[in-house]
Amino acid sequence: MTYEQARDELIDIVARLEAGAATLDESMSLWERGEALARRCEYLLAGAESTIAAATGSADDA
């Protein structure tokens, strides 16, 4: 799953949760999926950051 796919699905999940129309069980499933998607996005962003830092010779001081 690409960053964009994970982000878009996460945006959809947040909207569904904010709408408040889901049952408790559905909300919990959506929350768990959202957590997994957020972790995926963080992982992909960290990888991109590492790649850029390596390519530019930047240290991770920021």
Protein backbone atom coordinates (compact mmCIF):
# COMPACT_ATOMS: atom_id res chain seq x y z
CA MET A 1 0.00 0.00 0.00
CA THR A 2 1.39 3.37 -0.98
CA TYR A 3 1.49 6.39 1.30
CA GLU A 4 -1.24 8.05 -0.74
CA GLN A 5 -3.52 5.01 -0.55
CA ALA A 6 -3.04 4.71 3.21
CA ARG A 7 -3.59 8.45 3.71
CA ASP A 8 -6.75 8.49 1.62
CA GLU A 9 -8.23 5.51 3.45
CA LEU A 10 -7.32 7.10 6.78
CA ILE A 11 -9.06 10.32 5.76
CA ASP A 12 -12.17 8.31 4.90
CA ILE A 13 -12.08 6.50 8.24
CA VAL A 14 -11.75 9.75 10.18
CA ALA A 15 -14.73 11.19 8.31
CA ARG A 16 -16.81 8.09 9.05
CA LEU A 17 -15.90 8.20 12.73
CA GLU A 18 -16.63 11.93 12.95
CA ALA A 19 -20.04 11.38 11.36
CA GLY A 20 -20.95 9.23 14.35
CA ALA A 21 -23.24 6.90 12.41
CA ALA A 22 -21.27 3.70 13.07
CA THR A 23 -22.11 1.25 15.82
CA LEU A 24 -19.65 0.77 18.67
CA ASP A 25 -18.27 -2.41 17.09
CA GLU A 26 -17.92 -0.71 13.71
CA SER A 27 -16.27 2.30 15.33
CA MET A 28 -13.76 0.08 17.11
CA SER A 29 -12.92 -1.73 13.86
CA LEU A 30 -12.53 1.58 12.06
CA TRP A 31 -10.32 2.90 14.87
CA GLU A 32 -8.08 -0.17 14.73
CA ARG A 33 -7.77 0.08 10.95
CA GLY A 34 -7.02 3.80 11.27
CA GLU A 35 -4.25 3.09 13.77
CA ALA A 36 -2.69 0.55 11.38
CA LEU A 37 -2.91 3.02 8.51
CA ALA A 38 -1.34 5.79 10.60
CA ARG A 39 1.56 3.48 11.48
CA ARG A 40 1.99 2.66 7.79
CA CYS A 41 2.08 6.36 6.88
CA GLU A 42 4.64 7.07 9.61
CA TYR A 43 6.79 4.17 8.41
CA LEU A 44 6.72 5.35 4.80
CA LEU A 45 7.45 8.97 5.76
CA ALA A 46 10.37 7.90 7.94
CA GLY A 47 11.76 5.88 5.04
CA ALA A 48 11.45 8.82 2.69
CA GLU A 49 13.12 11.07 5.23
CA SER A 50 16.02 8.63 5.60
CA THR A 51 16.42 8.36 1.85
CA ILE A 52 16.50 12.14 1.46
CA ALA A 53 18.95 12.54 4.34
CA ALA A 54 21.25 9.90 2.83
CA ALA A 55 21.06 11.48 -0.61
CA THR A 56 21.78 14.96 0.65
CA GLY A 57 24.28 13.96 3.33
CA SER A 58 22.09 15.56 6.00
CA ALA A 59 22.32 14.43 9.60
CA ASP A 60 19.17 13.64 11.54
CA ASP A 61 19.68 16.60 13.89
CA ALA A 62 16.35 18.29 13.26
